């Protein structure tokens, strides 16, 4: 267990319940005392990358052996502890009420459910829900792939694990649709991978790619590089973020960030990060198309 997970459990009085293919991580005091770990904004709003980090924290708690509970969700420790698990595709959905509520300063619960088991991949659906009415305000669908640490090629999940948990799943895999980047993009940026971006699997952490895309989005909005309808919709708050991971980027490598709009939608931005001729990731951002009452535009912008 990492020091940060131990600190979070201790300071926030977090508890956990595991039952079959579902794990519930309870945050009885919200995340107020650790808020700076998820937000650097002066108005204390959780940014989109910060929201991904919160999902990452809850996931880390679910798969860790705790002092009072040595079990791990989905037998993670005995099955995956010495394996590499890469993100394949993921989709974050945000309920618009997030932009007018102080959910993260109030009690909430994190529900993680194994939804699908394939030959070498599996999909979890993770929801952050209000304690009082169980309404989710953020939901993440994450398709993971088990790979060989040396070849980086997919490995078959253990047959016994697939048999044990696969029969309990009722969902389907999540795979983001491939994008076709146009010859000319509305915004192009560059980023050099830093040592701090690298995770224990010796490649760029999956959340860093989210941060790169969100920085490009914010920069393009500030410079008014996108169409007026899209800029207007961005003020309604982010509704959905999808990303598919294709190739790894390593420390000191430079990636090029391409951003464009689709002709059929005025609420969506598309992204592609390339390293030379290789595509590292593709992603889309969709904004809510209607404003939410009592929302502060700058407060919403701080979450991008």
Protein backbone atom coordinates (compact mmCIF):
# COMPACT_ATOMS: atom_id res chain seq x y z
CA UNK A 1 0.00 0.00 0.00
CA UNK A 2 1.36 3.43 -0.94
CA UNK A 3 1.94 6.12 1.67
CA UNK A 4 -0.68 8.33 0.01
CA UNK A 5 -3.35 5.60 0.18
CA UNK A 6 -2.49 4.98 3.85
CA UNK A 7 -2.69 8.71 4.57
CA UNK A 8 -6.03 9.03 2.76
CA UNK A 9 -7.57 6.10 4.63
CA UNK A 10 -6.35 7.46 7.97
CA UNK A 11 -7.21 11.15 7.49
CA UNK A 12 -10.53 10.64 5.72
CA UNK A 13 -11.70 7.67 7.81
CA UNK A 14 -12.29 5.64 4.65
CA UNK A 15 -13.84 2.17 4.85
CA UNK A 16 -14.26 -0.60 2.28
CA UNK A 17 -16.66 -3.48 1.58
CA UNK A 18 -15.97 -6.23 -0.99
CA UNK A 19 -18.72 -8.56 -2.22
CA UNK A 20 -18.25 -10.63 -5.36
CA UNK A 21 -17.69 -8.37 -8.39
CA UNK A 22 -18.52 -5.17 -6.48
CA UNK A 23 -16.45 -3.08 -4.08
CA UNK A 24 -17.70 -0.04 -2.17
CA UNK A 25 -15.20 2.51 -0.84
CA UNK A 26 -16.86 4.97 1.55
CA UNK A 27 -15.70 8.56 2.05
CA UNK A 28 -17.68 9.63 5.14
CA UNK A 29 -16.05 13.08 5.27
CA UNK A 30 -15.60 13.76 1.55
CA UNK A 31 -12.05 14.67 0.55
CA UNK A 32 -11.82 18.16 2.07
CA UNK A 33 -8.68 17.59 4.13
CA UNK A 34 -6.81 16.18 1.11
CA UNK A 35 -8.34 18.51 -1.47
CA UNK A 36 -5.04 19.99 -2.64
CA UNK A 37 -4.07 16.56 -3.95
CA UNK A 38 -6.86 16.81 -6.52
CA UNK A 39 -7.07 20.56 -7.18
CA UNK A 40 -4.63 23.42 -7.51
CA UNK A 41 -7.35 25.97 -8.24
CA UNK A 42 -7.88 28.83 -5.85
CA UNK A 43 -11.64 28.27 -5.88
CA UNK A 44 -11.09 24.72 -4.63
CA UNK A 45 -12.78 23.03 -7.58
CA UNK A 46 -11.70 19.56 -8.60
CA UNK A 47 -10.29 19.62 -12.13
CA UNK A 48 -10.98 16.84 -14.65
CA UNK A 49 -7.47 15.33 -14.20
CA UNK A 50 -8.04 15.66 -10.44
CA UNK A 51 -11.26 13.68 -10.81
CA UNK A 52 -9.33 10.94 -12.61
CA UNK A 53 -6.81 10.94 -9.74
CA UNK A 54 -9.67 10.54 -7.27
CA UNK A 55 -10.90 7.51 -9.20
CA UNK A 56 -7.31 6.24 -9.14
CA UNK A 57 -7.17 6.67 -5.35
CA UNK A 58 -10.43 4.80 -4.79
CA UNK A 59 -9.29 2.06 -7.15
CA UNK A 60 -5.99 1.80 -5.26
CA UNK A 61 -7.87 1.39 -1.98
CA UNK A 62 -10.10 -1.32 -3.46
CA UNK A 63 -7.14 -3.45 -4.63
CA UNK A 64 -4.90 -2.94 -1.57
CA UNK A 65 -4.50 -5.31 1.35
CA UNK A 66 -5.61 -3.29 4.38
CA UNK A 67 -4.57 -3.73 7.98
CA UNK A 68 -8.03 -4.88 9.05
CA UNK A 69 -8.86 -6.59 5.73
CA UNK A 70 -6.09 -8.48 3.90
CA UNK A 71 -8.38 -9.41 1.00
CA UNK A 72 -8.15 -7.49 -2.25
CA UNK A 73 -10.92 -6.73 -4.72
CA UNK A 74 -11.13 -9.40 -7.46
CA UNK A 75 -8.14 -11.22 -5.90
CA UNK A 76 -5.94 -8.46 -7.27
CA UNK A 77 -2.87 -9.14 -5.13
CA UNK A 78 -2.38 -12.86 -5.97
CA UNK A 79 -3.44 -12.48 -9.63
CA UNK A 80 -2.08 -9.11 -10.79
CA UNK A 81 0.59 -8.03 -8.30
CA UNK A 82 3.51 -9.15 -10.52
CA UNK A 83 1.76 -8.37 -13.83
CA UNK A 84 1.43 -5.21 -15.89
CA UNK A 85 -2.11 -3.97 -16.47
CA UNK A 86 -2.53 -1.22 -19.07
CA UNK A 87 -5.55 0.97 -19.70
CA UNK A 88 -6.99 0.21 -23.14
CA UNK A 89 -9.93 2.62 -23.34
CA UNK A 90 -11.90 4.63 -20.81
CA UNK A 91 -14.88 6.95 -20.66
CA UNK A 92 -15.58 9.51 -17.94
CA UNK A 93 -19.14 10.81 -17.65
CA UNK A 94 -20.04 13.82 -15.49
CA UNK A 95 -23.53 14.68 -14.28
CA UNK A 96 -24.13 18.41 -14.67
CA UNK A 97 -25.13 18.76 -11.02
CA UNK A 98 -21.43 18.41 -10.17
CA UNK A 99 -20.92 22.03 -11.26
CA UNK A 100 -23.32 23.49 -8.70
CA UNK A 101 -22.78 21.19 -5.72
CA UNK A 102 -20.14 20.65 -3.05
CA UNK A 103 -20.20 16.87 -3.42
CA UNK A 104 -16.52 16.34 -2.64
CA UNK A 105 -16.83 18.13 0.69
CA UNK A 106 -19.76 15.89 1.71
CA UNK A 107 -20.01 12.13 2.36
CA UNK A 108 -19.94 10.06 -0.84
CA UNK A 109 -19.37 6.46 -1.89
CA UNK A 110 -17.30 4.92 -4.67
CA UNK A 111 -18.83 1.84 -6.33
CA UNK A 112 -16.58 -0.34 -8.50
CA UNK A 113 -18.20 -3.18 -10.46
CA UNK A 114 -16.53 -5.73 -12.72
CA UNK A 115 -18.73 -5.53 -15.81
CA UNK A 116 -16.99 -7.74 -18.37
CA UNK A 117 -14.24 -10.37 -18.56
CA UNK A 118 -12.57 -11.28 -21.86
CA UNK A 119 -9.58 -13.37 -22.84
CA UNK A 120 -6.90 -10.81 -21.93
CA UNK A 121 -8.94 -7.78 -20.84
CA UNK A 122 -11.68 -6.81 -18.45
CA UNK A 123 -13.92 -3.79 -17.91
CA UNK A 124 -14.84 -2.07 -14.65
CA UNK A 125 -17.57 0.53 -14.21
CA UNK A 126 -16.80 2.90 -11.34
CA UNK A 127 -19.32 5.40 -9.96
CA UNK A 128 -18.97 8.18 -7.38
CA UNK A 129 -22.37 8.57 -5.73
CA UNK A 130 -24.02 10.89 -3.26
CA UNK A 131 -24.48 9.27 0.14
CA UNK A 132 -28.05 10.53 0.64
CA UNK A 133 -29.69 9.32 -2.57
CA UNK A 134 -27.12 7.11 -4.38
CA UNK A 135 -27.26 9.32 -7.51
CA UNK A 136 -23.95 9.10 -9.38
CA UNK A 137 -22.30 12.38 -10.29
CA UNK A 138 -19.22 10.92 -11.97
CA UNK A 139 -18.86 7.57 -13.71
CA UNK A 140 -15.81 5.93 -15.27
CA UNK A 141 -15.83 2.91 -17.60
CA UNK A 142 -12.31 1.49 -17.83
CA UNK A 143 -11.15 -1.34 -20.08
CA UNK A 144 -7.88 -2.84 -18.80
CA UNK A 145 -5.52 -5.21 -20.61
CA UNK A 146 -3.02 -7.54 -18.94
CA UNK A 147 0.32 -7.40 -20.80
CA UNK A 148 3.74 -9.02 -20.67
CA UNK A 149 6.18 -6.64 -18.86
CA UNK A 150 8.89 -7.27 -21.48
CA UNK A 151 7.11 -7.63 -24.82
CA UNK A 152 4.15 -5.35 -23.87
CA UNK A 153 1.91 -7.83 -25.72
CA UNK A 154 -1.45 -8.96 -24.26
CA UNK A 155 -1.40 -11.96 -21.94
CA UNK A 156 -4.27 -14.34 -21.31
CA UNK A 157 -5.98 -13.80 -17.99
CA UNK A 158 -5.76 -16.89 -15.75
CA UNK A 159 -8.49 -19.34 -16.75
CA UNK A 160 -9.49 -19.91 -13.10
CA UNK A 161 -9.95 -16.15 -12.57
CA UNK A 162 -12.01 -15.79 -15.77
CA UNK A 163 -14.20 -18.69 -14.72
CA UNK A 164 -14.68 -17.39 -11.17
CA UNK A 165 -15.60 -13.81 -12.04
CA UNK A 166 -16.68 -13.91 -15.68
CA UNK A 167 -19.88 -15.77 -14.87
CA UNK A 168 -20.93 -12.94 -12.52
CA UNK A 169 -20.58 -10.21 -15.17
CA UNK A 170 -23.48 -8.96 -17.25
CA UNK A 171 -21.91 -6.10 -19.23
CA UNK A 172 -19.83 -5.69 -22.37
CA UNK A 173 -16.33 -4.40 -23.16
CA UNK A 174 -15.74 -0.68 -23.66
CA UNK A 175 -13.61 0.18 -26.67
CA UNK A 176 -13.50 3.77 -27.90
CA UNK A 177 -14.13 4.16 -31.61
CA UNK A 178 -11.07 5.03 -33.70
CA UNK A 179 -10.84 8.63 -34.91
CA UNK A 180 -9.73 9.88 -38.34
CA UNK A 181 -7.58 12.97 -37.88
CA UNK A 182 -7.96 15.58 -40.63
CA UNK A 183 -4.95 16.95 -42.51
CA UNK A 184 -5.41 20.39 -40.92
CA UNK A 185 -6.24 20.78 -37.23
CA UNK A 186 -7.56 23.80 -35.36
CA UNK A 187 -4.88 23.59 -32.66
CA UNK A 188 -1.45 21.95 -32.50
CA UNK A 189 0.76 21.86 -29.41
CA UNK A 190 3.91 20.08 -28.21
CA UNK A 191 4.77 18.43 -24.92
CA UNK A 192 7.95 16.75 -23.67
CA UNK A 193 7.36 13.80 -21.33
CA UNK A 194 8.80 14.56 -17.87
CA UNK A 195 10.27 12.11 -15.36
CA UNK A 196 7.36 12.96 -13.02
CA UNK A 197 4.93 11.72 -15.73
CA UNK A 198 6.29 8.16 -15.58
CA UNK A 199 4.58 5.50 -13.46
CA UNK A 200 5.74 2.16 -12.01
CA UNK A 201 5.28 0.52 -15.42
CA UNK A 202 7.99 2.82 -16.81
CA UNK A 203 5.75 4.69 -19.23
CA UNK A 204 3.60 7.82 -19.16
CA UNK A 205 0.83 7.46 -16.61
CA UNK A 206 -2.64 7.20 -18.13
CA UNK A 207 -3.90 10.29 -16.26
CA UNK A 208 -1.04 12.42 -17.67
CA UNK A 209 -2.53 12.03 -21.15
CA UNK A 210 -5.81 13.38 -19.79
CA UNK A 211 -3.94 16.39 -18.37
CA UNK A 212 -2.21 17.02 -21.72
CA UNK A 213 -5.54 16.98 -23.58
CA UNK A 214 -7.25 19.21 -21.01
CA UNK A 215 -4.35 21.71 -21.17
CA UNK A 216 -4.68 21.83 -24.96
CA UNK A 217 -8.43 22.29 -24.60
CA UNK A 218 -8.07 25.14 -22.11
CA UNK A 219 -5.40 26.82 -24.24
CA UNK A 220 -7.54 26.58 -27.37
CA UNK A 221 -10.56 28.01 -25.55
CA UNK A 222 -8.51 30.89 -24.11
CA UNK A 223 -7.10 31.71 -27.53
CA UNK A 224 -10.51 31.26 -29.22
CA UNK A 225 -9.11 28.74 -31.70
CA UNK A 226 -12.39 26.82 -31.83
CA UNK A 227 -15.80 27.73 -33.23
CA UNK A 228 -18.06 30.09 -31.32
CA UNK A 229 -20.80 27.43 -30.74
CA UNK A 230 -18.24 25.05 -29.21
CA UNK A 231 -16.76 27.80 -27.03
CA UNK A 232 -20.28 28.63 -25.85
CA UNK A 233 -21.07 24.98 -25.07
CA UNK A 234 -17.82 24.66 -23.12
CA UNK A 235 -19.28 27.09 -20.58
CA UNK A 236 -21.91 24.47 -19.71
CA UNK A 237 -19.29 22.10 -18.33
CA UNK A 238 -17.65 18.91 -19.54
CA UNK A 239 -20.09 16.04 -20.04
CA UNK A 240 -17.87 13.23 -21.27
CA UNK A 241 -14.20 12.42 -21.82
CA UNK A 242 -13.20 9.34 -23.85
CA UNK A 243 -9.68 8.12 -24.53
CA UNK A 244 -8.08 5.14 -26.24
CA UNK A 245 -4.46 4.21 -25.56
CA UNK A 246 -2.48 2.98 -28.58
CA UNK A 247 1.29 3.31 -28.04
CA UNK A 248 3.47 4.18 -25.05
CA UNK A 249 5.38 7.44 -24.62
CA UNK A 250 8.56 7.38 -22.52
CA UNK A 251 10.53 9.97 -20.57
CA UNK A 252 12.12 12.80 -22.61
CA UNK A 253 10.11 11.91 -25.71
CA UNK A 254 8.17 14.73 -27.35
CA UNK A 255 4.54 14.26 -28.34
CA UNK A 256 2.53 16.46 -30.67
CA UNK A 257 -1.04 17.30 -29.62
CA UNK A 258 -3.53 17.71 -32.47
CA UNK A 259 -7.03 19.07 -31.75
CA UNK A 260 -9.98 19.45 -34.09
CA UNK A 261 -13.77 19.71 -34.23
CA UNK A 262 -16.11 17.41 -36.13
CA UNK A 263 -18.34 19.04 -38.72
CA UNK A 264 -21.47 17.30 -37.40
CA UNK A 265 -21.18 18.42 -33.76
CA UNK A 266 -20.70 21.74 -31.97
CA UNK A 267 -20.22 20.16 -28.52
CA UNK A 268 -17.21 17.90 -29.16
CA UNK A 269 -13.44 18.26 -29.50
CA UNK A 270 -11.18 15.48 -30.80
CA UNK A 271 -7.52 14.91 -29.93
CA UNK A 272 -4.65 12.81 -31.15
CA UNK A 273 -1.19 12.63 -29.56
CA UNK A 274 1.58 11.45 -31.83
CA UNK A 275 5.23 10.56 -31.31
CA UNK A 276 6.87 10.71 -34.70
CA UNK A 277 4.64 8.64 -36.98
CA UNK A 278 3.13 6.65 -34.09
CA UNK A 279 -0.20 7.47 -32.49
CA UNK A 280 0.02 7.40 -28.67
CA UNK A 281 -3.62 8.15 -27.81
CA UNK A 282 -6.85 9.45 -29.27
CA UNK A 283 -9.48 11.23 -27.19
CA UNK A 284 -12.73 13.16 -27.36
CA UNK A 285 -14.25 15.77 -25.07
CA UNK A 286 -17.98 16.48 -25.15
CA UNK A 287 -19.63 19.40 -23.36
CA UNK A 288 -23.14 19.74 -21.96
CA UNK A 289 -25.34 21.57 -24.44
CA UNK A 290 -27.51 23.39 -21.93
CA UNK A 291 -26.53 25.69 -19.09
CA UNK A 292 -27.17 24.68 -15.51
CA UNK A 293 -28.98 27.07 -13.19
CA UNK A 294 -26.93 28.87 -10.54
CA UNK A 295 -23.65 27.78 -12.14
CA UNK A 296 -20.70 30.14 -12.10
CA UNK A 297 -18.95 30.14 -15.51
CA UNK A 298 -15.50 30.62 -14.01
CA UNK A 299 -16.18 27.81 -11.54
CA UNK A 300 -17.04 25.51 -14.43
CA UNK A 301 -13.97 26.62 -16.39
CA UNK A 302 -11.73 25.77 -13.45
CA UNK A 303 -12.82 22.14 -13.73
CA UNK A 304 -11.50 21.90 -17.30
